[in-house]
Amino acid sequence: MGLFWKLYLHPKYNIHKKQWSQLLIQVLHYIVGIHLFGFTNYMLGGWLTSIWLFGTFTLSHTHLPVTTENLHWVEYSLLHTVDIEPSWWCDWVMGYLNYQIEHHLFPTMPQFRQRQITGRVRELAEKNGIPYRCISYGEAIRFSLQNLQHVSDEIVNHKHKSS
């Protein structure tokens, strides 16, 4: 998926938007990266980065219920994402993606600033009777692994029912 984003979606977006300087920077990034690190190491680095990025997204999204209900985007952001408790190491490891509720509410805000508004967002949620979920890093891992188990159990059970 990371390679798909990097080698197809990003260039396609820049071509579509006629952002030629961005496309040039991307091409130079690939040329310099492959030249400095070699093709295999460059691809391995991209693969490991993708694993980290998708793992980080998983911790604050996948264990929450899916809905087709038509909600206001503020409600949706609060009900279908969680924050991971802040700490210096968690902020660093997750690249401030542990403030996922704030990220969904203010997607253009620099991520390192989102910590500054968590209190205000929490107050907004409380004032409107919407839960504001903030869980520990360990809980997020546990919930994500439980969700993977639940999904795999559903697949196995579906296969047994259809056979």
Foldseek 3Di string as FASTA:
>chain_A
DLCCCLVPVVLVVCVVVVVVVVNVVSVVCVVVLCVVQNPVRSVVVSVVVVVLQVVLVLLFADLADDDPDDDDQLLCLQRGTAAADDDPVCCVSSVLCSLVSLCSVPVVPRSVCSVVCPVVSCVVCVVVVHDHHYYHSVVSVVSSVVSVVVVVVVVVVVVVVVD
